[in-house]
Amino acid sequence: MAFNPATLAYNESGLIPVIAQAEDSGVVLMMAWMNEEAVKRTLASGKVTYWSRSRQSFWVKGETSGNVQELIDLRMDCDKDCLLAVVRQSGPACHTNRLSCFYTSITEDCETELMSPMS
């Protein structure tokens, strides 16, 4: 079946959330946003391309840091309003130099750091 990125359910800003997951371990690495063009660029290049809301520009993961995300599989959820990018991650995914952006556990009265920055 042919896929058309225009059929995805983008929000009022024309964006769709994307969760990046490591193909080898299943670790959830990060969450970011794509617009229709970022989806097209990701599928065409195999390099995960996000839309930076703060910079209002495309952001190819690892372009400046070298911590590239190679696309293995791009999946959509049942409502077509969220994507899962299964990736081969080179180096840390988080700008804090951690493998994952989800490195803090929250309980009722406590935050616990689960992983240290990579050396």
PDB file of N, CA and C in Angstrom:
ATOM      1  N   MET A   1       0.845  -1.169   0.000  1.00  0.00           N
ATOM      2  CA  MET A   1       0.000   0.000   0.000  1.00  0.00           C
ATOM      3  C   MET A   1       0.898   1.242   0.000  1.00  0.00           C
ATOM      4  N   ALA A   2       0.597   2.180  -0.834  1.00  0.00           N
ATOM      5  CA  ALA A   2       1.368   3.422  -0.920  1.00  0.00           C
ATOM      6  C   ALA A   2       1.132   4.287   0.318  1.00  0.00           C
ATOM      7  N   PHE A   3       2.169   5.029   0.715  1.00  0.00           N
ATOM      8  CA  PHE A   3       2.061   5.922   1.865  1.00  0.00           C
ATOM      9  C   PHE A   3       2.193   7.364   1.397  1.00  0.00           C
ATOM     10  N   ASN A   4       1.341   8.219   1.926  1.00  0.00           N
ATOM     11  CA  ASN A   4       1.386   9.648   1.643  1.00  0.00           C
ATOM     12  C   ASN A   4       1.482  10.385   2.979  1.00  0.00           C
ATOM     13  N   PRO A   5       2.597  11.096   3.246  1.00  0.00           N
ATOM     14  CA  PRO A   5       2.755  11.818   4.512  1.00  0.00           C
ATOM     15  C   PRO A   5       1.631  12.812   4.801  1.00  0.00           C
ATOM     16  N   ALA A   6       0.945  13.272   3.781  1.00  0.00           N
ATOM     17  CA  ALA A   6      -0.158  14.218   3.979  1.00  0.00           C
ATOM     18  C   ALA A   6      -1.331  13.576   4.715  1.00  0.00           C
ATOM     19  N   THR A   7      -1.377  12.241   4.766  1.00  0.00           N
ATOM     20  CA  THR A   7      -2.488  11.561   5.438  1.00  0.00           C
ATOM     21  C   THR A   7      -2.306  11.477   6.948  1.00  0.00           C
ATOM     22  N   LEU A   8      -1.139  11.877   7.452  1.00  0.00           N
ATOM     23  CA  LEU A   8      -0.920  11.870   8.902  1.00  0.00           C
ATOM     24  C   LEU A   8      -1.731  12.985   9.550  1.00  0.00           C
ATOM     25  N   ALA A   9      -2.052  12.813  10.826  1.00  0.00           N
ATOM     26  CA  ALA A   9      -2.845  13.800  11.575  1.00  0.00           C
ATOM     27  C   ALA A   9      -1.907  14.754  12.305  1.00  0.00           C
ATOM     28  N   TYR A  10      -1.556  15.842  11.659  1.00  0.00           N
ATOM     29  CA  TYR A  10      -0.683  16.857  12.244  1.00  0.00           C
ATOM     30  C   TYR A  10      -1.506  17.761  13.149  1.00  0.00           C
ATOM     31  N   ASN A  11      -0.865  18.370  14.151  1.00  0.00           N
ATOM     32  CA  ASN A  11      -1.577  19.287  15.044  1.00  0.00           C
ATOM     33  C   ASN A  11      -1.813  20.627  14.341  1.00  0.00           C
ATOM     34  N   GLU A  12      -2.375  21.589  15.080  1.00  0.00           N
ATOM     35  CA  GLU A  12      -2.714  22.900  14.505  1.00  0.00           C
ATOM     36  C   GLU A  12      -1.484  23.667  14.010  1.00  0.00           C
ATOM     37  N   SER A  13      -0.300  23.267  14.467  1.00  0.00           N
ATOM     38  CA  SER A  13       0.944  23.888  14.006  1.00  0.00           C
ATOM     39  C   SER A  13       1.569  23.121  12.840  1.00  0.00           C
ATOM     40  N   GLY A  14       0.892  22.081  12.383  1.00  0.00           N
ATOM     41  CA  GLY A  14       1.403  21.277  11.277  1.00  0.00           C
ATOM     42  C   GLY A  14       2.470  20.285  11.696  1.00  0.00           C
ATOM     43  N   LEU A  15       2.479  19.920  12.982  1.00  0.00           N
ATOM     44  CA  LEU A  15       3.507  19.029  13.521  1.00  0.00           C
ATOM     45  C   LEU A  15       2.902  17.737  14.054  1.00  0.00           C
ATOM     46  N   ILE A  16       3.746  16.705  14.093  1.00  0.00           N
ATOM     47  CA  ILE A  16       3.364  15.416  14.661  1.00  0.00           C
ATOM     48  C   ILE A  16       4.480  14.969  15.606  1.00  0.00           C
ATOM     49  N   PRO A  17       4.140  14.461  16.803  1.00  0.00           N
ATOM     50  CA  PRO A  17       5.196  13.996  17.719  1.00  0.00           C
ATOM     51  C   PRO A  17       5.824  12.700  17.215  1.00  0.00           C
ATOM     52  N   VAL A  18       7.130  12.585  17.481  1.00  0.00           N
ATOM     53  CA  VAL A  18       7.895  11.406  17.068  1.00  0.00           C
ATOM     54  C   VAL A  18       8.704  10.916  18.261  1.00  0.00           C
ATOM     55  N   ILE A  19       8.546   9.655  18.579  1.00  0.00           N
ATOM     56  CA  ILE A  19       9.355   9.007  19.610  1.00  0.00           C
ATOM     57  C   ILE A  19      10.468   8.246  18.891  1.00  0.00           C
ATOM     58  N   ALA A  20      11.711   8.445  19.322  1.00  0.00           N
ATOM     59  CA  ALA A  20      12.842   7.694  18.765  1.00  0.00           C
ATOM     60  C   ALA A  20      13.194   6.568  19.728  1.00  0.00           C
ATOM     61  N   GLN A  21      13.303   5.362  19.191  1.00  0.00           N
ATOM     62  CA  GLN A  21      13.599   4.170  19.980  1.00  0.00           C
ATOM     63  C   GLN A  21      14.785   3.444  19.369  1.00  0.00           C
ATOM     64  N   ALA A  22      15.703   3.001  20.222  1.00  0.00           N
ATOM     65  CA  ALA A  22      16.877   2.260  19.755  1.00  0.00           C
ATOM     66  C   ALA A  22      16.467   0.885  19.252  1.00  0.00           C
ATOM     67  N   GLU A  23      16.908   0.549  18.058  1.00  0.00           N
ATOM     68  CA  GLU A  23      16.522  -0.731  17.448  1.00  0.00           C
ATOM     69  C   GLU A  23      17.071  -1.931  18.197  1.00  0.00           C
ATOM     70  N   ASP A  24      18.263  -1.804  18.768  1.00  0.00           N
ATOM     71  CA  ASP A  24      18.899  -2.966  19.392  1.00  0.00           C
ATOM     72  C   ASP A  24      18.398  -3.238  20.801  1.00  0.00           C
ATOM     73  N   SER A  25      18.153  -2.198  21.573  1.00  0.00           N
ATOM     74  CA  SER A  25      17.783  -2.380  22.988  1.00  0.00           C
ATOM     75  C   SER A  25      16.320  -2.069  23.287  1.00  0.00           C
ATOM     76  N   GLY A  26      15.657  -1.346  22.397  1.00  0.00           N
ATOM     77  CA  GLY A  26      14.280  -0.934  22.658  1.00  0.00           C
ATOM     78  C   GLY A  26      14.177   0.282  23.566  1.00  0.00           C
ATOM     79  N   VAL A  27      15.319   0.857  23.963  1.00  0.00           N
ATOM     80  CA  VAL A  27      15.324   2.028  24.838  1.00  0.00           C
ATOM     81  C   VAL A  27      14.675   3.204  24.119  1.00  0.00           C
ATOM     82  N   VAL A  28      13.780   3.906  24.829  1.00  0.00           N
ATOM     83  CA  VAL A  28      13.195   5.129  24.294  1.00  0.00           C
ATOM     84  C   VAL A  28      14.246   6.220  24.446  1.00  0.00           C
ATOM     85  N   LEU A  29      14.667   6.793  23.323  1.00  0.00           N
ATOM     86  CA  LEU A  29      15.774   7.737  23.319  1.00  0.00           C
ATOM     87  C   LEU A  29      15.336   9.184  23.503  1.00  0.00           C
ATOM     88  N   MET A  30      14.293   9.589  22.795  1.00  0.00           N
ATOM     89  CA  MET A  30      13.908  10.997  22.821  1.00  0.00           C
ATOM     90  C   MET A  30      12.544  11.172  22.172  1.00  0.00           C
ATOM     91  N   MET A  31      12.001  12.366  22.319  1.00  0.00           N
ATOM     92  CA  MET A  31      10.778  12.767  21.643  1.00  0.00           C
ATOM     93  C   MET A  31      11.061  14.089  20.949  1.00  0.00           C
ATOM     94  N   ALA A  32      10.585  14.223  19.732  1.00  0.00           N
ATOM     95  CA  ALA A  32      10.746  15.472  18.984  1.00  0.00           C
ATOM     96  C   ALA A  32       9.545  15.615  18.051  1.00  0.00           C
ATOM     97  N   TRP A  33       9.633  16.554  17.132  1.00  0.00           N
ATOM     98  CA  TRP A  33       8.516  16.862  16.234  1.00  0.00           C
ATOM     99  C   TRP A  33       8.957  16.773  14.783  1.00  0.00           C
ATOM    100  N   MET A  34       8.023  16.421  13.921  1.00  0.00           N
ATOM    101  CA  MET A  34       8.232  16.470  12.477  1.00  0.00           C
ATOM    102  C   MET A  34       7.047  17.202  11.853  1.00  0.00           C
ATOM    103  N   ASN A  35       7.324  17.852  10.733  1.00  0.00           N
ATOM    104  CA  ASN A  35       6.244  18.326   9.893  1.00  0.00           C
ATOM    105  C   ASN A  35       6.217  17.416   8.664  1.00  0.00           C
ATOM    106  N   GLU A  36       5.331  17.687   7.728  1.00  0.00           N
ATOM    107  CA  GLU A  36       5.204  16.801   6.567  1.00  0.00           C
ATOM    108  C   GLU A  36       6.519  16.703   5.791  1.00  0.00           C
ATOM    109  N   GLU A  37       7.200  17.820   5.606  1.00  0.00           N
ATOM    110  CA  GLU A  37       8.456  17.813   4.858  1.00  0.00           C
ATOM    111  C   GLU A  37       9.533  17.019   5.595  1.00  0.00           C
ATOM    112  N   ALA A  38       9.585  17.103   6.921  1.00  0.00           N
ATOM    113  CA  ALA A  38      10.565  16.330   7.700  1.00  0.00           C
ATOM    114  C   ALA A  38      10.313  14.832   7.545  1.00  0.00           C
ATOM    115  N   VAL A  39       9.043  14.432   7.502  1.00  0.00           N
ATOM    116  CA  VAL A  39       8.720  13.023   7.272  1.00  0.00           C
ATOM    117  C   VAL A  39       9.253  12.596   5.904  1.00  0.00           C
ATOM    118  N   LYS A  40       9.003  13.416   4.893  1.00  0.00           N
ATOM    119  CA  LYS A  40       9.477  13.102   3.533  1.00  0.00           C
ATOM    120  C   LYS A  40      10.999  13.005   3.491  1.00  0.00           C
ATOM    121  N   ARG A  41      11.686  13.966   4.111  1.00  0.00           N
ATOM    122  CA  ARG A  41      13.155  13.970   4.107  1.00  0.00           C
ATOM    123  C   ARG A  41      13.715  12.759   4.830  1.00  0.00           C
ATOM    124  N   THR A  42      13.095  12.386   5.951  1.00  0.00           N
ATOM    125  CA  THR A  42      13.535  11.224   6.724  1.00  0.00           C
ATOM    126  C   THR A  42      13.420   9.957   5.886  1.00  0.00           C
ATOM    127  N   LEU A  43      12.277   9.789   5.241  1.00  0.00           N
ATOM    128  CA  LEU A  43      12.063   8.590   4.440  1.00  0.00           C
ATOM    129  C   LEU A  43      12.985   8.552   3.220  1.00  0.00           C
ATOM    130  N   ALA A  44      13.243   9.690   2.622  1.00  0.00           N
ATOM    131  CA  ALA A  44      14.084   9.746   1.423  1.00  0.00           C
ATOM    132  C   ALA A  44      15.564   9.537   1.733  1.00  0.00           C
ATOM    133  N   SER A  45      16.017  10.072   2.873  1.00  0.00           N
ATOM    134  CA  SER A  45      17.457  10.044   3.181  1.00  0.00           C
ATOM    135  C   SER A  45      17.878   8.909   4.109  1.00  0.00           C
ATOM    136  N   GLY A  46      16.955   8.428   4.934  1.00  0.00           N
ATOM    137  CA  GLY A  46      17.317   7.436   5.946  1.00  0.00           C
ATOM    138  C   GLY A  46      17.971   8.057   7.161  1.00  0.00           C
ATOM    139  N   LYS A  47      18.112   9.390   7.159  1.00  0.00           N
ATOM    140  CA  LYS A  47      18.631  10.132   8.316  1.00  0.00           C
ATOM    141  C   LYS A  47      17.439  10.830   8.964  1.00  0.00           C
ATOM    142  N   VAL A  48      17.252  10.606  10.256  1.00  0.00           N
ATOM    143  CA  VAL A  48      16.067  11.154  10.913  1.00  0.00           C
ATOM    144  C   VAL A  48      16.171  12.679  10.958  1.00  0.00           C
ATOM    145  N   THR A  49      15.158  13.314  10.407  1.00  0.00           N
ATOM    146  CA  THR A  49      15.095  14.768  10.292  1.00  0.00           C
ATOM    147  C   THR A  49      13.876  15.265  11.056  1.00  0.00           C
ATOM    148  N   TYR A  50      14.125  16.141  12.009  1.00  0.00           N
ATOM    149  CA  TYR A  50      13.053  16.699  12.830  1.00  0.00           C
ATOM    150  C   TYR A  50      12.817  18.158  12.451  1.00  0.00           C
ATOM    151  N   TRP A  51      11.747  18.719  13.003  1.00  0.00           N
ATOM    152  CA  TRP A  51      11.475  20.148  12.882  1.00  0.00           C
ATOM    153  C   TRP A  51      11.754  20.775  14.250  1.00  0.00           C
ATOM    154  N   SER A  52      12.677  21.717  14.298  1.00  0.00           N
ATOM    155  CA  SER A  52      12.997  22.411  15.547  1.00  0.00           C
ATOM    156  C   SER A  52      12.019  23.560  15.725  1.00  0.00           C
ATOM    157  N   ARG A  53      11.210  23.468  16.754  1.00  0.00           N
ATOM    158  CA  ARG A  53      10.239  24.535  17.028  1.00  0.00           C
ATOM    159  C   ARG A  53      10.940  25.807  17.475  1.00  0.00           C
ATOM    160  N   SER A  54      12.025  25.693  18.227  1.00  0.00           N
ATOM    161  CA  SER A  54      12.718  26.884  18.718  1.00  0.00           C
ATOM    162  C   SER A  54      13.476  27.600  17.615  1.00  0.00           C
ATOM    163  N   ARG A  55      14.085  26.850  16.704  1.00  0.00           N
ATOM    164  CA  ARG A  55      14.854  27.460  15.614  1.00  0.00           C
ATOM    165  C   ARG A  55      14.027  27.672  14.346  1.00  0.00           C
ATOM    166  N   GLN A  56      12.831  27.049  14.323  1.00  0.00           N
ATOM    167  CA  GLN A  56      11.977  27.108  13.131  1.00  0.00           C
ATOM    168  C   GLN A  56      12.735  26.656  11.880  1.00  0.00           C
ATOM    169  N   SER A  57      13.397  25.502  12.020  1.00  0.00           N
ATOM    170  CA  SER A  57      14.160  24.960  10.898  1.00  0.00           C
ATOM    171  C   SER A  57      14.281  23.442  11.041  1.00  0.00           C
ATOM    172  N   PHE A  58      14.689  22.809   9.935  1.00  0.00           N
ATOM    173  CA  PHE A  58      14.910  21.367   9.963  1.00  0.00           C
ATOM    174  C   PHE A  58      16.167  21.060  10.755  1.00  0.00           C
ATOM    175  N   TRP A  59      16.152  19.900  11.390  1.00  0.00           N
ATOM    176  CA  TRP A  59      17.240  19.465  12.249  1.00  0.00           C
ATOM    177  C   TRP A  59      17.499  17.993  11.957  1.00  0.00           C
ATOM    178  N   VAL A  60      18.590  17.718  11.283  1.00  0.00           N
ATOM    179  CA  VAL A  60      18.995  16.336  11.025  1.00  0.00           C
ATOM    180  C   VAL A  60      19.762  15.872  12.254  1.00  0.00           C
ATOM    181  N   LYS A  61      19.219  14.903  12.946  1.00  0.00           N
ATOM    182  CA  LYS A  61      19.824  14.439  14.196  1.00  0.00           C
ATOM    183  C   LYS A  61      21.260  14.000  13.951  1.00  0.00           C
ATOM    184  N   GLY A  62      22.186  14.616  14.682  1.00  0.00           N
ATOM    185  CA  GLY A  62      23.595  14.269  14.592  1.00  0.00           C
ATOM    186  C   GLY A  62      24.385  15.093  13.595  1.00  0.00           C
ATOM    187  N   GLU A  63      23.726  15.986  12.891  1.00  0.00           N
ATOM    188  CA  GLU A  63      24.412  16.787  11.873  1.00  0.00           C
ATOM    189  C   GLU A  63      25.569  17.597  12.450  1.00  0.00           C
ATOM    190  N   THR A  64      25.384  18.130  13.658  1.00  0.00           N
ATOM    191  CA  THR A  64      26.467  18.895  14.281  1.00  0.00           C
ATOM    192  C   THR A  64      27.193  18.089  15.354  1.00  0.00           C
ATOM    193  N   SER A  65      26.487  17.217  16.068  1.00  0.00           N
ATOM    194  CA  SER A  65      27.110  16.466  17.167  1.00  0.00           C
ATOM    195  C   SER A  65      27.802  15.185  16.715  1.00  0.00           C
ATOM    196  N   GLY A  66      27.396  14.661  15.568  1.00  0.00           N
ATOM    197  CA  GLY A  66      27.907  13.369  15.119  1.00  0.00           C
ATOM    198  C   GLY A  66      27.125  12.193  15.670  1.00  0.00           C
ATOM    199  N   ASN A  67      26.146  12.468  16.535  1.00  0.00           N
ATOM    200  CA  ASN A  67      25.330  11.414  17.149  1.00  0.00           C
ATOM    201  C   ASN A  67      24.100  11.139  16.278  1.00  0.00           C
ATOM    202  N   VAL A  68      24.362  10.537  15.147  1.00  0.00           N
ATOM    203  CA  VAL A  68      23.376  10.349  14.085  1.00  0.00           C
ATOM    204  C   VAL A  68      22.329   9.294  14.449  1.00  0.00           C
ATOM    205  N   GLN A  69      21.118   9.510  13.938  1.00  0.00           N
ATOM    206  CA  GLN A  69      20.075   8.497  14.016  1.00  0.00           C
ATOM    207  C   GLN A  69      19.805   7.988  12.602  1.00  0.00           C
ATOM    208  N   GLU A  70      20.186   6.741  12.368  1.00  0.00           N
ATOM    209  CA  GLU A  70      19.910   6.092  11.082  1.00  0.00           C
ATOM    210  C   GLU A  70      18.546   5.425  11.185  1.00  0.00           C
ATOM    211  N   LEU A  71      17.649   5.758  10.278  1.00  0.00           N
ATOM    212  CA  LEU A  71      16.297   5.209  10.309  1.00  0.00           C
ATOM    213  C   LEU A  71      16.301   3.734   9.942  1.00  0.00           C
ATOM    214  N   ILE A  72      15.713   2.922  10.804  1.00  0.00           N
ATOM    215  CA  ILE A  72      15.515   1.502  10.533  1.00  0.00           C
ATOM    216  C   ILE A  72      14.078   1.272  10.106  1.00  0.00           C
ATOM    217  N   ASP A  73      13.141   1.917  10.813  1.00  0.00           N
ATOM    218  CA  ASP A  73      11.718   1.762  10.514  1.00  0.00           C
ATOM    219  C   ASP A  73      10.974   2.984  11.036  1.00  0.00           C
ATOM    220  N   LEU A  74      10.019   3.478  10.277  1.00  0.00           N
ATOM    221  CA  LEU A  74       9.154   4.568  10.727  1.00  0.00           C
ATOM    222  C   LEU A  74       7.748   4.014  10.813  1.00  0.00           C
ATOM    223  N   ARG A  75       7.151   4.127  11.990  1.00  0.00           N
ATOM    224  CA  ARG A  75       5.822   3.561  12.229  1.00  0.00           C
ATOM    225  C   ARG A  75       4.872   4.652  12.698  1.00  0.00           C
ATOM    226  N   MET A  76       3.588   4.483  12.364  1.00  0.00           N
ATOM    227  CA  MET A  76       2.570   5.410  12.849  1.00  0.00           C
ATOM    228  C   MET A  76       1.632   4.653  13.767  1.00  0.00           C
ATOM    229  N   ASP A  77       1.019   5.390  14.691  1.00  0.00           N
ATOM    230  CA  ASP A  77       0.059   4.743  15.582  1.00  0.00           C
ATOM    231  C   ASP A  77      -1.286   4.612  14.872  1.00  0.00           C
ATOM    232  N   CYS A  78      -2.230   3.994  15.562  1.00  0.00           N
ATOM    233  CA  CYS A  78      -3.527   3.682  14.963  1.00  0.00           C
ATOM    234  C   CYS A  78      -4.330   4.924  14.564  1.00  0.00           C
ATOM    235  N   ASP A  79      -4.097   6.047  15.214  1.00  0.00           N
ATOM    236  CA  ASP A  79      -4.808   7.286  14.886  1.00  0.00           C
ATOM    237  C   ASP A  79      -4.041   8.158  13.899  1.00  0.00           C
ATOM    238  N   LYS A  80      -2.858   7.721  13.520  1.00  0.00           N
ATOM    239  CA  LYS A  80      -1.986   8.470  12.612  1.00  0.00           C
ATOM    240  C   LYS A  80      -1.596   9.840  13.167  1.00  0.00           C
ATOM    241  N   ASP A  81      -1.573   9.963  14.532  1.00  0.00           N
ATOM    242  CA  ASP A  81      -1.215  11.252  15.133  1.00  0.00           C
ATOM    243  C   ASP A  81       0.054  11.202  15.970  1.00  0.00           C
ATOM    244  N   CYS A  82       0.813  10.114  15.844  1.00  0.00           N
ATOM    245  CA  CYS A  82       2.096   9.984  16.534  1.00  0.00           C
ATOM    246  C   CYS A  82       2.942   8.979  15.753  1.00  0.00           C
ATOM    247  N   LEU A  83       4.251   9.257  15.684  1.00  0.00           N
ATOM    248  CA  LEU A  83       5.171   8.376  14.965  1.00  0.00           C
ATOM    249  C   LEU A  83       6.181   7.755  15.918  1.00  0.00           C
ATOM    250  N   LEU A  84       6.657   6.584  15.545  1.00  0.00           N
ATOM    251  CA  LEU A  84       7.741   5.906  16.240  1.00  0.00           C
ATOM    252  C   LEU A  84       8.855   5.702  15.217  1.00  0.00           C
ATOM    253  N   ALA A  85      10.006   6.288  15.486  1.00  0.00           N
ATOM    254  CA  ALA A  85      11.176   6.100  14.634  1.00  0.00           C
ATOM    255  C   ALA A  85      12.091   5.090  15.314  1.00  0.00           C
ATOM    256  N   VAL A  86      12.192   3.909  14.737  1.00  0.00           N
ATOM    257  CA  VAL A  86      13.130   2.906  15.226  1.00  0.00           C
ATOM    258  C   VAL A  86      14.456   3.223  14.540  1.00  0.00           C
ATOM    259  N   VAL A  87      15.478   3.483  15.360  1.00  0.00           N
ATOM    260  CA  VAL A  87      16.723   4.025  14.824  1.00  0.00           C
ATOM    261  C   VAL A  87      17.948   3.250  15.293  1.00  0.00           C
ATOM    262  N   ARG A  88      19.007   3.386  14.519  1.00  0.00           N
ATOM    263  CA  ARG A  88      20.335   2.959  14.953  1.00  0.00           C
ATOM    264  C   ARG A  88      21.027   4.234  15.407  1.00  0.00           C
ATOM    265  N   GLN A  89      21.185   4.374  16.720  1.00  0.00           N
ATOM    266  CA  GLN A  89      21.735   5.584  17.327  1.00  0.00           C
ATOM    267  C   GLN A  89      23.244   5.481  17.461  1.00  0.00           C
ATOM    268  N   SER A  90      23.946   6.501  16.981  1.00  0.00           N
ATOM    269  CA  SER A  90      25.395   6.603  17.175  1.00  0.00           C
ATOM    270  C   SER A  90      25.642   7.585  18.307  1.00  0.00           C
ATOM    271  N   GLY A  91      26.172   7.115  19.428  1.00  0.00           N
ATOM    272  CA  GLY A  91      26.432   7.993  20.568  1.00  0.00           C
ATOM    273  C   GLY A  91      25.160   8.332  21.322  1.00  0.00           C
ATOM    274  N   PRO A  92      25.255   9.301  22.225  1.00  0.00           N
ATOM    275  CA  PRO A  92      24.095   9.673  23.037  1.00  0.00           C
ATOM    276  C   PRO A  92      23.030  10.373  22.198  1.00  0.00           C
ATOM    277  N   ALA A  93      21.775  10.177  22.570  1.00  0.00           N
ATOM    278  CA  ALA A  93      20.668  10.844  21.875  1.00  0.00           C
ATOM    279  C   ALA A  93      20.346  12.191  22.504  1.00  0.00           C
ATOM    280  N   CYS A  94      20.647  12.341  23.786  1.00  0.00           N
ATOM    281  CA  CYS A  94      20.280  13.550  24.523  1.00  0.00           C
ATOM    282  C   CYS A  94      21.380  14.612  24.452  1.00  0.00           C
ATOM    283  N   HIS A  95      20.965  15.870  24.401  1.00  0.00           N
ATOM    284  CA  HIS A  95      21.940  16.970  24.370  1.00  0.00           C
ATOM    285  C   HIS A  95      22.734  17.077  25.670  1.00  0.00           C
ATOM    286  N   THR A  96      22.300  16.357  26.729  1.00  0.00           N
ATOM    287  CA  THR A  96      23.035  16.329  27.999  1.00  0.00           C
ATOM    288  C   THR A  96      24.125  15.257  27.989  1.00  0.00           C
ATOM    289  N   ASN A  97      24.327  14.632  26.837  1.00  0.00           N
ATOM    290  CA  ASN A  97      25.327  13.576  26.643  1.00  0.00           C
ATOM    291  C   ASN A  97      24.925  12.256  27.309  1.00  0.00           C
ATOM    292  N   ARG A  98      23.621  12.053  27.470  1.00  0.00           N
ATOM    293  CA  ARG A  98      23.111  10.786  27.990  1.00  0.00           C
ATOM    294  C   ARG A  98      22.517   9.982  26.836  1.00  0.00           C
ATOM    295  N   LEU A  99      22.475   8.677  27.007  1.00  0.00           N
ATOM    296  CA  LEU A  99      21.913   7.806  25.980  1.00  0.00           C
ATOM    297  C   LEU A  99      20.484   8.215  25.650  1.00  0.00           C
ATOM    298  N   SER A 100      19.692   8.518  26.666  1.00  0.00           N
ATOM    299  CA  SER A 100      18.279   8.835  26.499  1.00  0.00           C
ATOM    300  C   SER A 100      17.949  10.165  27.169  1.00  0.00           C
ATOM    301  N   CYS A 101      16.988  10.865  26.612  1.00  0.00           N
ATOM    302  CA  CYS A 101      16.495  12.094  27.250  1.00  0.00           C
ATOM    303  C   CYS A 101      15.657  11.756  28.491  1.00  0.00           C
ATOM    304  N   PHE A 102      15.193  10.526  28.590  1.00  0.00           N
ATOM    305  CA  PHE A 102      14.342  10.103  29.698  1.00  0.00           C
ATOM    306  C   PHE A 102      15.185   9.460  30.796  1.00  0.00           C
ATOM    307  N   TYR A 103      15.985  10.286  31.452  1.00  0.00           N
ATOM    308  CA  TYR A 103      16.938   9.775  32.442  1.00  0.00           C
ATOM    309  C   TYR A 103      16.561  10.134  33.878  1.00  0.00           C
ATOM    310  N   THR A 104      15.394  10.733  34.080  1.00  0.00           N
ATOM    311  CA  THR A 104      14.969  11.099  35.427  1.00  0.00           C
ATOM    312  C   THR A 104      13.643  10.434  35.760  1.00  0.00           C
ATOM    313  N   SER A 105      13.631   9.703  36.875  1.00  0.00           N
ATOM    314  CA  SER A 105      12.418   9.065  37.375  1.00  0.00           C
ATOM    315  C   SER A 105      11.741  10.011  38.367  1.00  0.00           C
ATOM    316  N   ILE A 106      10.418  10.089  38.281  1.00  0.00           N
ATOM    317  CA  ILE A 106       9.654  10.974  39.165  1.00  0.00           C
ATOM    318  C   ILE A 106       8.726  10.133  40.025  1.00  0.00           C
ATOM    319  N   THR A 107       8.783  10.353  41.327  1.00  0.00           N
ATOM    320  CA  THR A 107       7.801   9.771  42.250  1.00  0.00           C
ATOM    321  C   THR A 107       7.078  10.934  42.917  1.00  0.00           C
ATOM    322  N   GLU A 108       6.213  10.642  43.828  1.00  0.00           N
ATOM    323  CA  GLU A 108       5.397  11.681  44.461  1.00  0.00           C
ATOM    324  C   GLU A 108       6.221  12.821  45.038  1.00  0.00           C
ATOM    325  N   ASP A 109       7.367  12.496  45.640  1.00  0.00           N
ATOM    326  CA  ASP A 109       8.143  13.545  46.304  1.00  0.00           C
ATOM    327  C   ASP A 109       9.620  13.558  45.920  1.00  0.00           C
ATOM    328  N   CYS A 110       9.955  12.891  44.803  1.00  0.00           N
ATOM    329  CA  CYS A 110      11.380  12.746  44.513  1.00  0.00           C
ATOM    330  C   CYS A 110      11.655  12.627  43.019  1.00  0.00           C
ATOM    331  N   GLU A 111      12.775  13.225  42.605  1.00  0.00           N
ATOM    332  CA  GLU A 111      13.331  13.010  41.274  1.00  0.00           C
ATOM    333  C   GLU A 111      14.614  12.200  41.445  1.00  0.00           C
ATOM    334  N   THR A 112      14.770  11.144  40.644  1.00  0.00           N
ATOM    335  CA  THR A 112      15.958  10.306  40.731  1.00  0.00           C
ATOM    336  C   THR A 112      16.601  10.194  39.359  1.00  0.00           C
ATOM    337  N   GLU A 113      17.872  10.576  39.285  1.00  0.00           N
ATOM    338  CA  GLU A 113      18.612  10.451  38.024  1.00  0.00           C
ATOM    339  C   GLU A 113      18.967   8.989  37.802  1.00  0.00           C
ATOM    340  N   LEU A 114      18.579   8.455  36.646  1.00  0.00           N
ATOM    341  CA  LEU A 114      18.767   7.040  36.359  1.00  0.00           C
ATOM    342  C   LEU A 114      20.041   6.722  35.583  1.00  0.00           C
ATOM    343  N   MET A 115      20.590   7.734  34.898  1.00  0.00           N
ATOM    344  CA  MET A 115      21.814   7.493  34.136  1.00  0.00           C
ATOM    345  C   MET A 115      22.676   8.723  34.105  1.00  0.00           C
ATOM    346  N   SER A 116      23.955   8.510  34.095  1.00  0.00           N
ATOM    347  CA  SER A 116      24.923   9.603  34.039  1.00  0.00           C
ATOM    348  C   SER A 116      25.264   9.923  32.586  1.00  0.00           C
ATOM    349  N   PRO A 117      25.834  11.085  32.352  1.00  0.00           N
ATOM    350  CA  PRO A 117      26.307  11.395  30.994  1.00  0.00           C
ATOM    351  C   PRO A 117      27.349  10.380  30.553  1.00  0.00           C
ATOM    352  N   MET A 118      27.369  10.127  29.252  1.00  0.00           N
ATOM    353  CA  MET A 118      28.353   9.213  28.686  1.00  0.00           C
ATOM    354  C   MET A 118      29.707   9.910  28.638  1.00  0.00           C
ATOM    355  N   SER A 119      30.765   9.143  28.797  1.00  0.00           N
ATOM    356  CA  SER A 119      32.094   9.771  28.767  1.00  0.00           C
ATOM    357  C   SER A 119      32.687   9.744  27.385  1.00  0.00           C
TER     358      SER A 119
END
